[in-house]
C-alpha atoms as a PDB file:
ATOM      1  CA  UNK A   1     -30.006 -10.980  27.594  1.00  0.00           C
ATOM      2  CA  UNK A   2     -26.187 -11.174  27.870  1.00  0.00           C
ATOM      3  CA  UNK A   3     -24.166  -9.105  25.410  1.00  0.00           C
ATOM      4  CA  UNK A   4     -21.891 -11.144  23.134  1.00  0.00           C
ATOM      5  CA  UNK A   5     -18.323  -9.887  22.998  1.00  0.00           C
ATOM      6  CA  UNK A   6     -17.074  -9.071  19.518  1.00  0.00           C
ATOM      7  CA  UNK A   7     -13.551 -10.092  18.563  1.00  0.00           C
ATOM      8  CA  UNK A   8     -11.500 -10.620  15.455  1.00  0.00           C
ATOM      9  CA  UNK A   9      -8.173 -12.082  14.402  1.00  0.00           C
ATOM     10  CA  UNK A  10      -6.241 -10.727  11.437  1.00  0.00           C
ATOM     11  CA  UNK A  11      -5.017 -13.994   9.940  1.00  0.00           C
ATOM     12  CA  UNK A  12      -3.144 -12.459   7.000  1.00  0.00           C
ATOM     13  CA  UNK A  13      -2.344  -8.883   5.975  1.00  0.00           C
ATOM     14  CA  UNK A  14      -2.118  -8.563   2.186  1.00  0.00           C
ATOM     15  CA  UNK A  15      -1.452  -4.870   1.622  1.00  0.00           C
ATOM     16  CA  UNK A  16      -2.114  -1.303   2.696  1.00  0.00           C
ATOM     17  CA  UNK A  17      -3.933   0.656  -0.002  1.00  0.00           C
ATOM     18  CA  UNK A  18      -3.462   4.103   1.556  1.00  0.00           C
ATOM     19  CA  UNK A  19      -1.975   5.689   4.665  1.00  0.00           C
ATOM     20  CA  UNK A  20      -2.327   9.145   6.223  1.00  0.00           C
ATOM     21  CA  UNK A  21      -0.724  10.388   9.432  1.00  0.00           C
ATOM     22  CA  UNK A  22      -2.191  13.223  11.477  1.00  0.00           C
ATOM     23  CA  UNK A  23      -0.355  15.828  13.543  1.00  0.00           C
ATOM     24  CA  UNK A  24      -1.323  14.013  16.768  1.00  0.00           C
ATOM     25  CA  UNK A  25       0.431  10.824  15.640  1.00  0.00           C
ATOM     26  CA  UNK A  26      -2.620   8.783  14.625  1.00  0.00           C
ATOM     27  CA  UNK A  27      -2.267   6.872  11.355  1.00  0.00           C
ATOM     28  CA  UNK A  28      -5.284   6.125   9.169  1.00  0.00           C
ATOM     29  CA  UNK A  29      -4.959   3.216   6.746  1.00  0.00           C
ATOM     30  CA  UNK A  30      -7.102   1.316   4.282  1.00  0.00           C
ATOM     31  CA  UNK A  31      -6.035  -2.334   4.288  1.00  0.00           C
ATOM     32  CA  UNK A  32      -6.769  -5.657   2.619  1.00  0.00           C
ATOM     33  CA  UNK A  33      -6.694  -8.501   5.148  1.00  0.00           C
ATOM     34  CA  UNK A  34      -7.984 -12.001   5.796  1.00  0.00           C
ATOM     35  CA  UNK A  35      -9.932 -11.778   9.067  1.00  0.00           C
ATOM     36  CA  UNK A  36     -11.808 -14.221  11.257  1.00  0.00           C
ATOM     37  CA  UNK A  37     -14.693 -12.580  13.131  1.00  0.00           C
ATOM     38  CA  UNK A  38     -15.887 -14.251  16.336  1.00  0.00           C
ATOM     39  CA  UNK A  39     -13.991 -17.478  15.490  1.00  0.00           C
ATOM     40  CA  UNK A  40     -15.909 -17.941  12.204  1.00  0.00           C
ATOM     41  CA  UNK A  41     -14.276 -18.923   8.915  1.00  0.00           C
ATOM     42  CA  UNK A  42     -12.017 -16.095   7.722  1.00  0.00           C
ATOM     43  CA  UNK A  43     -13.230 -13.616   5.096  1.00  0.00           C
ATOM     44  CA  UNK A  44     -11.423 -11.152   2.874  1.00  0.00           C
ATOM     45  CA  UNK A  45     -11.736  -7.680   4.290  1.00  0.00           C
ATOM     46  CA  UNK A  46     -11.163  -4.180   2.863  1.00  0.00           C
ATOM     47  CA  UNK A  47     -11.425  -1.717   5.717  1.00  0.00           C
ATOM     48  CA  UNK A  48     -10.294   1.558   7.264  1.00  0.00           C
ATOM     49  CA  UNK A  49      -8.151   1.270  10.393  1.00  0.00           C
ATOM     50  CA  UNK A  50      -7.007   3.878  12.876  1.00  0.00           C
ATOM     51  CA  UNK A  51      -3.628   3.204  14.453  1.00  0.00           C
ATOM     52  CA  UNK A  52      -3.685   5.410  17.542  1.00  0.00           C
ATOM     53  CA  UNK A  53      -0.501   7.029  18.811  1.00  0.00           C
ATOM     54  CA  UNK A  54      -0.840   5.022  22.071  1.00  0.00           C
ATOM     55  CA  UNK A  55      -0.595   1.733  20.098  1.00  0.00           C
ATOM     56  CA  UNK A  56      -4.306   0.871  20.046  1.00  0.00           C
ATOM     57  CA  UNK A  57      -5.961  -0.205  16.794  1.00  0.00           C
ATOM     58  CA  UNK A  58      -9.520   0.789  15.889  1.00  0.00           C
ATOM     59  CA  UNK A  59     -11.607  -0.771  13.148  1.00  0.00           C
ATOM     60  CA  UNK A  60     -13.527   1.543  10.803  1.00  0.00           C
ATOM     61  CA  UNK A  61     -16.064   0.979   8.069  1.00  0.00           C
ATOM     62  CA  UNK A  62     -15.342  -1.616   5.439  1.00  0.00           C
ATOM     63  CA  UNK A  63     -16.594  -4.596   3.486  1.00  0.00           C
ATOM     64  CA  UNK A  64     -16.068  -8.322   3.777  1.00  0.00           C
ATOM     65  CA  UNK A  65     -15.965 -10.677   0.818  1.00  0.00           C
ATOM     66  CA  UNK A  66     -16.044 -14.428   0.431  1.00  0.00           C
ATOM     67  CA  UNK A  67     -13.411 -15.999  -1.825  1.00  0.00           C
ATOM     68  CA  UNK A  68     -16.001 -16.278  -4.628  1.00  0.00           C
ATOM     69  CA  UNK A  69     -16.897 -12.582  -4.259  1.00  0.00           C
ATOM     70  CA  UNK A  70     -13.220 -11.600  -4.242  1.00  0.00           C
ATOM     71  CA  UNK A  71     -12.617 -13.574  -7.436  1.00  0.00           C
ATOM     72  CA  UNK A  72     -15.612 -11.883  -9.075  1.00  0.00           C
ATOM     73  CA  UNK A  73     -14.318  -8.456  -7.996  1.00  0.00           C
ATOM     74  CA  UNK A  74     -10.952  -9.299  -9.542  1.00  0.00           C
ATOM     75  CA  UNK A  75     -12.708 -10.189 -12.820  1.00  0.00           C
ATOM     76  CA  UNK A  76     -14.589  -6.884 -12.774  1.00  0.00           C
ATOM     77  CA  UNK A  77     -11.400  -4.909 -12.109  1.00  0.00           C
ATOM     78  CA  UNK A  78      -9.487  -6.820 -14.770  1.00  0.00           C
ATOM     79  CA  UNK A  79     -12.245  -5.962 -17.287  1.00  0.00           C
ATOM     80  CA  UNK A  80     -11.982  -2.222 -16.615  1.00  0.00           C
ATOM     81  CA  UNK A  81      -9.853  -0.879 -19.428  1.00  0.00           C
ATOM     82  CA  UNK A  82      -9.567   2.782 -18.467  1.00  0.00           C
ATOM     83  CA  UNK A  83      -8.594   3.024 -14.802  1.00  0.00           C
ATOM     84  CA  UNK A  84      -7.051   6.459 -14.931  1.00  0.00           C
END
């Protein structure tokens, strides 16, 4: 059975939630993006990324959300009164 190649396109970068640089020049970020996986409809994505010192980009663990799920998450966050 032939292996399907995985690919993605970052269609829109919204923001970087956190960023840490290591002594070897790698940068670890947590980002909110709109991404299309394997040419499917784009989804909202909150994920860790490793920006290697050689210019390569590696995807880490994260979650994907539909627009409806993202709107619901916004409602939940808006309802939290004590985010301290």
